[in-house]
Amino acid sequence: MNVVVLNGSFNKNGKTYSILNEFLNKIKHRSNNIFIVDVYDLKINHCIGCRRCEKTGECIYRDLDELYKK
């Protein structure tokens, strides 16, 4: 089982990160694959309504591919 935790705080070493670490310490025995994604570092494009995702199942922008793999 993969666990992906999204950290929405801009401060990577702040209180939110401390709380996330406490949570991960409690569930680490359930998963070998734990990923923390700092959302603030992602460069996410806005949807332009091209509908390519409906036709091909993929977005015209490739910005979230690594996140989807996790």
PDB file of N, CA and C in Angstrom:
ATOM      1  N   MET A   1       0.846  -1.175   0.000  1.00  0.00           N
ATOM      2  CA  MET A   1       0.000   0.000   0.000  1.00  0.00           C
ATOM      3  C   MET A   1       0.890   1.236   0.000  1.00  0.00           C
ATOM      4  N   ASN A   2       0.582   2.159  -0.889  1.00  0.00           N
ATOM      5  CA  ASN A   2       1.265   3.455  -0.924  1.00  0.00           C
ATOM      6  C   ASN A   2       0.486   4.451  -0.094  1.00  0.00           C
ATOM      7  N   VAL A   3       1.221   5.288   0.623  1.00  0.00           N
ATOM      8  CA  VAL A   3       0.614   6.374   1.378  1.00  0.00           C
ATOM      9  C   VAL A   3       1.229   7.665   0.858  1.00  0.00           C
ATOM     10  N   VAL A   4       0.382   8.563   0.375  1.00  0.00           N
ATOM     11  CA  VAL A   4       0.835   9.859  -0.113  1.00  0.00           C
ATOM     12  C   VAL A   4       0.234  10.920   0.798  1.00  0.00           C
ATOM     13  N   VAL A   5       1.102  11.682   1.436  1.00  0.00           N
ATOM     14  CA  VAL A   5       0.672  12.734   2.350  1.00  0.00           C
ATOM     15  C   VAL A   5       0.973  14.070   1.692  1.00  0.00           C
ATOM     16  N   LEU A   6      -0.045  14.899   1.586  1.00  0.00           N
ATOM     17  CA  LEU A   6       0.114  16.218   0.979  1.00  0.00           C
ATOM     18  C   LEU A   6       0.313  17.252   2.079  1.00  0.00           C
ATOM     19  N   ASN A   7       1.473  17.862   2.091  1.00  0.00           N
ATOM     20  CA  ASN A   7       1.777  18.923   3.040  1.00  0.00           C
ATOM     21  C   ASN A   7       1.478  20.254   2.357  1.00  0.00           C
ATOM     22  N   GLY A   8       0.459  20.937   2.832  1.00  0.00           N
ATOM     23  CA  GLY A   8       0.050  22.189   2.219  1.00  0.00           C
ATOM     24  C   GLY A   8       0.697  23.422   2.808  1.00  0.00           C
ATOM     25  N   SER A   9       1.558  23.249   3.785  1.00  0.00           N
ATOM     26  CA  SER A   9       2.202  24.382   4.436  1.00  0.00           C
ATOM     27  C   SER A   9       3.432  24.828   3.658  1.00  0.00           C
ATOM     28  N   PHE A  10       3.667  26.114   3.619  1.00  0.00           N
ATOM     29  CA  PHE A  10       4.875  26.635   2.957  1.00  0.00           C
ATOM     30  C   PHE A  10       6.112  26.435   3.824  1.00  0.00           C
ATOM     31  N   ASN A  11       5.917  26.213   5.118  1.00  0.00           N
ATOM     32  CA  ASN A  11       7.034  26.002   6.043  1.00  0.00           C
ATOM     33  C   ASN A  11       7.251  24.497   6.208  1.00  0.00           C
ATOM     34  N   LYS A  12       8.277  23.975   5.549  1.00  0.00           N
ATOM     35  CA  LYS A  12       8.505  22.532   5.534  1.00  0.00           C
ATOM     36  C   LYS A  12       8.927  21.968   6.882  1.00  0.00           C
ATOM     37  N   ASN A  13       9.351  22.791   7.794  1.00  0.00           N
ATOM     38  CA  ASN A  13       9.786  22.320   9.103  1.00  0.00           C
ATOM     39  C   ASN A  13       8.936  22.902  10.236  1.00  0.00           C
ATOM     40  N   GLY A  14       7.731  23.288   9.921  1.00  0.00           N
ATOM     41  CA  GLY A  14       6.867  23.919  10.912  1.00  0.00           C
ATOM     42  C   GLY A  14       5.992  22.933  11.668  1.00  0.00           C
ATOM     43  N   LYS A  15       4.961  23.462  12.288  1.00  0.00           N
ATOM     44  CA  LYS A  15       4.063  22.655  13.117  1.00  0.00           C
ATOM     45  C   LYS A  15       3.277  21.643  12.290  1.00  0.00           C
ATOM     46  N   THR A  16       2.857  22.026  11.108  1.00  0.00           N
ATOM     47  CA  THR A  16       2.118  21.091  10.254  1.00  0.00           C
ATOM     48  C   THR A  16       2.980  19.883   9.927  1.00  0.00           C
ATOM     49  N   TYR A  17       4.235  20.120   9.609  1.00  0.00           N
ATOM     50  CA  TYR A  17       5.147  19.025   9.292  1.00  0.00           C
ATOM     51  C   TYR A  17       5.357  18.130  10.511  1.00  0.00           C
ATOM     52  N   SER A  18       5.437  18.712  11.700  1.00  0.00           N
ATOM     53  CA  SER A  18       5.577  17.924  12.927  1.00  0.00           C
ATOM     54  C   SER A  18       4.368  17.028  13.134  1.00  0.00           C
ATOM     55  N   ILE A  19       3.190  17.563  12.884  1.00  0.00           N
ATOM     56  CA  ILE A  19       1.957  16.769  13.019  1.00  0.00           C
ATOM     57  C   ILE A  19       1.941  15.651  11.988  1.00  0.00           C
ATOM     58  N   LEU A  20       2.357  15.946  10.761  1.00  0.00           N
ATOM     59  CA  LEU A  20       2.427  14.907   9.732  1.00  0.00           C
ATOM     60  C   LEU A  20       3.382  13.794  10.134  1.00  0.00           C
ATOM     61  N   ASN A  21       4.513  14.144  10.704  1.00  0.00           N
ATOM     62  CA  ASN A  21       5.466  13.131  11.147  1.00  0.00           C
ATOM     63  C   ASN A  21       4.887  12.254  12.243  1.00  0.00           C
ATOM     64  N   GLU A  22       4.143  12.826  13.168  1.00  0.00           N
ATOM     65  CA  GLU A  22       3.485  12.027  14.204  1.00  0.00           C
ATOM     66  C   GLU A  22       2.510  11.035  13.573  1.00  0.00           C
ATOM     67  N   PHE A  23       1.740  11.508  12.622  1.00  0.00           N
ATOM     68  CA  PHE A  23       0.797  10.644  11.912  1.00  0.00           C
ATOM     69  C   PHE A  23       1.535   9.513  11.195  1.00  0.00           C
ATOM     70  N   LEU A  24       2.603   9.853  10.497  1.00  0.00           N
ATOM     71  CA  LEU A  24       3.356   8.846   9.748  1.00  0.00           C
ATOM     72  C   LEU A  24       4.021   7.832  10.666  1.00  0.00           C
ATOM     73  N   ASN A  25       4.469   8.263  11.826  1.00  0.00           N
ATOM     74  CA  ASN A  25       5.054   7.324  12.786  1.00  0.00           C
ATOM     75  C   ASN A  25       4.037   6.286  13.249  1.00  0.00           C
ATOM     76  N   LYS A  26       2.781   6.679  13.310  1.00  0.00           N
ATOM     77  CA  LYS A  26       1.734   5.751  13.742  1.00  0.00           C
ATOM     78  C   LYS A  26       1.315   4.767  12.650  1.00  0.00           C
ATOM     79  N   ILE A  27       1.509   5.135  11.388  1.00  0.00           N
ATOM     80  CA  ILE A  27       1.076   4.242  10.307  1.00  0.00           C
ATOM     81  C   ILE A  27       2.225   3.583   9.557  1.00  0.00           C
ATOM     82  N   LYS A  28       3.463   3.870   9.928  1.00  0.00           N
ATOM     83  CA  LYS A  28       4.596   3.377   9.147  1.00  0.00           C
ATOM     84  C   LYS A  28       4.683   1.857   9.119  1.00  0.00           C
ATOM     85  N   HIS A  29       4.116   1.179  10.085  1.00  0.00           N
ATOM     86  CA  HIS A  29       4.137  -0.278  10.084  1.00  0.00           C
ATOM     87  C   HIS A  29       3.172  -0.875   9.055  1.00  0.00           C
ATOM     88  N   ARG A  30       2.295  -0.072   8.505  1.00  0.00           N
ATOM     89  CA  ARG A  30       1.312  -0.549   7.530  1.00  0.00           C
ATOM     90  C   ARG A  30       1.756  -0.385   6.085  1.00  0.00           C
ATOM     91  N   SER A  31       2.796   0.384   5.847  1.00  0.00           N
ATOM     92  CA  SER A  31       3.199   0.663   4.482  1.00  0.00           C
ATOM     93  C   SER A  31       4.711   0.808   4.361  1.00  0.00           C
ATOM     94  N   ASN A  32       5.239   0.268   3.285  1.00  0.00           N
ATOM     95  CA  ASN A  32       6.655   0.444   2.986  1.00  0.00           C
ATOM     96  C   ASN A  32       6.899   1.668   2.127  1.00  0.00           C
ATOM     97  N   ASN A  33       5.860   2.168   1.495  1.00  0.00           N
ATOM     98  CA  ASN A  33       5.977   3.287   0.556  1.00  0.00           C
ATOM     99  C   ASN A  33       5.195   4.484   1.076  1.00  0.00           C
ATOM    100  N   ILE A  34       5.887   5.362   1.783  1.00  0.00           N
ATOM    101  CA  ILE A  34       5.267   6.577   2.295  1.00  0.00           C
ATOM    102  C   ILE A  34       5.946   7.765   1.631  1.00  0.00           C
ATOM    103  N   PHE A  35       5.143   8.622   1.034  1.00  0.00           N
ATOM    104  CA  PHE A  35       5.653   9.788   0.325  1.00  0.00           C
ATOM    105  C   PHE A  35       5.047  11.052   0.917  1.00  0.00           C
ATOM    106  N   ILE A  36       5.893  12.038   1.189  1.00  0.00           N
ATOM    107  CA  ILE A  36       5.407  13.358   1.595  1.00  0.00           C
ATOM    108  C   ILE A  36       5.612  14.287   0.409  1.00  0.00           C
ATOM    109  N   VAL A  37       4.541  14.906  -0.029  1.00  0.00           N
ATOM    110  CA  VAL A  37       4.601  15.838  -1.156  1.00  0.00           C
ATOM    111  C   VAL A  37       4.345  17.234  -0.615  1.00  0.00           C
ATOM    112  N   ASP A  38       5.299  18.116  -0.810  1.00  0.00           N
ATOM    113  CA  ASP A  38       5.135  19.513  -0.420  1.00  0.00           C
ATOM    114  C   ASP A  38       4.414  20.237  -1.553  1.00  0.00           C
ATOM    115  N   VAL A  39       3.125  20.435  -1.366  1.00  0.00           N
ATOM    116  CA  VAL A  39       2.276  21.019  -2.408  1.00  0.00           C
ATOM    117  C   VAL A  39       2.760  22.404  -2.801  1.00  0.00           C
ATOM    118  N   TYR A  40       3.317  23.120  -1.860  1.00  0.00           N
ATOM    119  CA  TYR A  40       3.794  24.471  -2.125  1.00  0.00           C
ATOM    120  C   TYR A  40       4.878  24.490  -3.202  1.00  0.00           C
ATOM    121  N   ASP A  41       5.635  23.380  -3.339  1.00  0.00           N
ATOM    122  CA  ASP A  41       6.708  23.304  -4.330  1.00  0.00           C
ATOM    123  C   ASP A  41       6.231  22.888  -5.718  1.00  0.00           C
ATOM    124  N   LEU A  42       5.007  22.379  -5.813  1.00  0.00           N
ATOM    125  CA  LEU A  42       4.503  21.923  -7.108  1.00  0.00           C
ATOM    126  C   LEU A  42       4.150  23.112  -7.998  1.00  0.00           C
ATOM    127  N   LYS A  43       4.396  22.946  -9.261  1.00  0.00           N
ATOM    128  CA  LYS A  43       4.014  23.965 -10.246  1.00  0.00           C
ATOM    129  C   LYS A  43       2.814  23.398 -11.016  1.00  0.00           C
ATOM    130  N   ILE A  44       1.612  23.766 -10.565  1.00  0.00           N
ATOM    131  CA  ILE A  44       0.385  23.199 -11.122  1.00  0.00           C
ATOM    132  C   ILE A  44      -0.277  24.219 -12.025  1.00  0.00           C
ATOM    133  N   ASN A  45      -0.518  23.818 -13.250  1.00  0.00           N
ATOM    134  CA  ASN A  45      -1.191  24.696 -14.212  1.00  0.00           C
ATOM    135  C   ASN A  45      -2.702  24.624 -14.030  1.00  0.00           C
ATOM    136  N   HIS A  46      -3.363  25.687 -14.394  1.00  0.00           N
ATOM    137  CA  HIS A  46      -4.821  25.736 -14.343  1.00  0.00           C
ATOM    138  C   HIS A  46      -5.410  25.011 -15.546  1.00  0.00           C
ATOM    139  N   CYS A  47      -6.555  24.416 -15.333  1.00  0.00           N
ATOM    140  CA  CYS A  47      -7.269  23.757 -16.429  1.00  0.00           C
ATOM    141  C   CYS A  47      -7.700  24.813 -17.448  1.00  0.00           C
ATOM    142  N   ILE A  48      -7.484  24.499 -18.726  1.00  0.00           N
ATOM    143  CA  ILE A  48      -7.879  25.429 -19.782  1.00  0.00           C
ATOM    144  C   ILE A  48      -9.120  24.934 -20.532  1.00  0.00           C
ATOM    145  N   GLY A  49      -9.693  23.828 -20.082  1.00  0.00           N
ATOM    146  CA  GLY A  49     -10.926  23.326 -20.674  1.00  0.00           C
ATOM    147  C   GLY A  49     -10.768  22.740 -22.064  1.00  0.00           C
ATOM    148  N   CYS A  50      -9.603  22.203 -22.371  1.00  0.00           N
ATOM    149  CA  CYS A  50      -9.370  21.658 -23.712  1.00  0.00           C
ATOM    150  C   CYS A  50     -10.014  20.285 -23.903  1.00  0.00           C
ATOM    151  N   ARG A  51     -10.366  19.622 -22.814  1.00  0.00           N
ATOM    152  CA  ARG A  51     -11.040  18.319 -22.797  1.00  0.00           C
ATOM    153  C   ARG A  51     -10.183  17.164 -23.307  1.00  0.00           C
ATOM    154  N   ARG A  52      -8.882  17.365 -23.380  1.00  0.00           N
ATOM    155  CA  ARG A  52      -8.012  16.274 -23.794  1.00  0.00           C
ATOM    156  C   ARG A  52      -8.105  15.102 -22.810  1.00  0.00           C
ATOM    157  N   CYS A  53      -8.272  15.411 -21.544  1.00  0.00           N
ATOM    158  CA  CYS A  53      -8.362  14.364 -20.535  1.00  0.00           C
ATOM    159  C   CYS A  53      -9.554  13.438 -20.800  1.00  0.00           C
ATOM    160  N   GLU A  54     -10.615  13.979 -21.355  1.00  0.00           N
ATOM    161  CA  GLU A  54     -11.773  13.154 -21.683  1.00  0.00           C
ATOM    162  C   GLU A  54     -11.492  12.222 -22.854  1.00  0.00           C
ATOM    163  N   LYS A  55     -10.653  12.675 -23.778  1.00  0.00           N
ATOM    164  CA  LYS A  55     -10.362  11.881 -24.970  1.00  0.00           C
ATOM    165  C   LYS A  55      -9.257  10.864 -24.749  1.00  0.00           C
ATOM    166  N   THR A  56      -8.202  11.271 -24.026  1.00  0.00           N
ATOM    167  CA  THR A  56      -7.024  10.408 -23.889  1.00  0.00           C
ATOM    168  C   THR A  56      -6.798   9.899 -22.468  1.00  0.00           C
ATOM    169  N   GLY A  57      -7.487  10.486 -21.496  1.00  0.00           N
ATOM    170  CA  GLY A  57      -7.268  10.116 -20.104  1.00  0.00           C
ATOM    171  C   GLY A  57      -6.069  10.812 -19.481  1.00  0.00           C
ATOM    172  N   GLU A  58      -5.439  11.703 -20.229  1.00  0.00           N
ATOM    173  CA  GLU A  58      -4.279  12.443 -19.736  1.00  0.00           C
ATOM    174  C   GLU A  58      -4.473  13.934 -19.947  1.00  0.00           C
ATOM    175  N   CYS A  59      -3.893  14.687 -19.054  1.00  0.00           N
ATOM    176  CA  CYS A  59      -3.951  16.146 -19.154  1.00  0.00           C
ATOM    177  C   CYS A  59      -2.921  16.638 -20.169  1.00  0.00           C
ATOM    178  N   ILE A  60      -3.228  17.753 -20.807  1.00  0.00           N
ATOM    179  CA  ILE A  60      -2.287  18.356 -21.742  1.00  0.00           C
ATOM    180  C   ILE A  60      -1.023  18.802 -21.010  1.00  0.00           C
ATOM    181  N   TYR A  61      -1.179  19.175 -19.746  1.00  0.00           N
ATOM    182  CA  TYR A  61      -0.041  19.541 -18.917  1.00  0.00           C
ATOM    183  C   TYR A  61       0.472  18.284 -18.225  1.00  0.00           C
ATOM    184  N   ARG A  62       1.754  18.141 -18.127  1.00  0.00           N
ATOM    185  CA  ARG A  62       2.361  16.955 -17.520  1.00  0.00           C
ATOM    186  C   ARG A  62       2.860  17.257 -16.108  1.00  0.00           C
ATOM    187  N   ASP A  63       2.317  18.285 -15.470  1.00  0.00           N
ATOM    188  CA  ASP A  63       2.845  18.756 -14.196  1.00  0.00           C
ATOM    189  C   ASP A  63       2.567  17.841 -13.008  1.00  0.00           C
ATOM    190  N   LEU A  64       1.552  17.008 -13.092  1.00  0.00           N
ATOM    191  CA  LEU A  64       1.201  16.156 -11.956  1.00  0.00           C
ATOM    192  C   LEU A  64       1.529  14.681 -12.192  1.00  0.00           C
ATOM    193  N   ASP A  65       2.233  14.364 -13.262  1.00  0.00           N
ATOM    194  CA  ASP A  65       2.534  12.971 -13.580  1.00  0.00           C
ATOM    195  C   ASP A  65       3.256  12.244 -12.455  1.00  0.00           C
ATOM    196  N   GLU A  66       4.246  12.882 -11.854  1.00  0.00           N
ATOM    197  CA  GLU A  66       4.996  12.230 -10.770  1.00  0.00           C
ATOM    198  C   GLU A  66       4.118  11.981  -9.555  1.00  0.00           C
ATOM    199  N   LEU A  67       3.223  12.914  -9.273  1.00  0.00           N
ATOM    200  CA  LEU A  67       2.296  12.738  -8.151  1.00  0.00           C
ATOM    201  C   LEU A  67       1.344  11.581  -8.431  1.00  0.00           C
ATOM    202  N   TYR A  68       0.837  11.499  -9.658  1.00  0.00           N
ATOM    203  CA  TYR A  68      -0.073  10.416 -10.020  1.00  0.00           C
ATOM    204  C   TYR A  68       0.596   9.059  -9.888  1.00  0.00           C
ATOM    205  N   LYS A  69       1.880   8.965 -10.219  1.00  0.00           N
ATOM    206  CA  LYS A  69       2.603   7.697 -10.113  1.00  0.00           C
ATOM    207  C   LYS A  69       2.680   7.203  -8.673  1.00  0.00           C
ATOM    208  N   LYS A  70       2.820   8.146  -7.762  1.00  0.00           N
ATOM    209  CA  LYS A  70       2.913   7.784  -6.345  1.00  0.00           C
ATOM    210  C   LYS A  70       1.582   7.277  -5.850  1.00  0.00           C
TER     211      LYS A  70
END
